[in-house]
Amino acid sequence: MEDKKTLITIIVLLVILLPLTVYGTYRHFTYENTDLGENPNHELIFNDKVYFYLNDELLGTYNCTNCAKTLTTIDDTEYHTNYFQNGTYERPAVLNPNVALINENGTDYAYSISSGLILSEFAALKDYKIEHTTPIIIANDGNKWGVLSITNDALLIRIAYQYDYIAIPSHIIDGKLDTSKMIAKKENEWYILNNDGTTTNHPFSTEIVDFNDYYYVAYDGEYHIYDYYNLEFLNEIEKKNAYATEEYILIIDNNNKLYIYDNCENPAIKTIDLPTYETIYFNQVEAGVEIILDGNLYQTIEQA
């Protein structure tokens, strides 16, 4: 009889105390010492602790003696992609209320704030230091590049880790990088991919530099403009560089003259003499396409 009472007492205590123990561990892990006064400047890492802030709200902390902010890389200089070079935007470490990026012991991780679990591990992260039109991350698993989409619960693989190179050309829409399509290279073939990994085009044998829905720009020591039937256009025009926007193909010759085409079978709709510059990109806005030289607006190509 006494044994039965003892057993019942133990069961009751377990029912009461076990949930409290689990809850206490969770609270200890994510909210230990979350007094705002201990990290007055809301730094990501302060006194060997990671602080997960989102819009100045402290979501949790993580004790870590070897943590740092994740670093990003750009490997586009090895190719001729028209990539965005004027970036100053710093992607926050805390991506949303649950997912954060952190480097621990030299390795980059995506980390679940709510569960305290590692979601993904990366050998490298690529970023153009500009806000995106859709939340994605270009990442390397140690061998190949792939693309992940950011959700409130996890990072989902959108493009599998199977490419030697992935790049987003400098297609800027209202100040944000258009991440709906990108350039990829696998072995000796080039692709124009949607951000879910699909493509409507066959692989290309020549390096892809830029593209829109009607034409693509290729490079083989010189710049070429092709449609998607592989017919070449404007081969008689000298090309120091060539670009694509949603509406236009833009060619710059050796005298810094910009030729603008909306249909490569017809003459240029406009030519513009450009001054000397270091960087150039084109920002699609409602009024047309802005020409940005060295980070400053030079002129707007109004919609035809």
Foldseek 3Di string as FASTA:
>chain_A
DVVVVVVVVVVVCCVPVVVVVVVVVLCCAFPNPVDCVQPVVQDQDDPQKGFDDDPNDTLGMHRHNFKDAADADDPCVVDQAQAQQQADADQAQRNDSFWGWMAHPRWIFIAGSNPRDTQDTFPHWHDNNFAAPFAKTWTARPQFIFMWHDDNGHTHTQGDRQFNDKGQHQAAEPRHGYQQWIWTHHDQWIFIAGSNHDHPADTDRFAWHEDEQFWTWGDDPAIWIAGRVRDTAPPVAHAPDWYDYHQWIWGQHPQRKIFTDRDRVDGGPDIDRDDDADGWDWYQYPQAIFIAGPNHTDDGDGDD
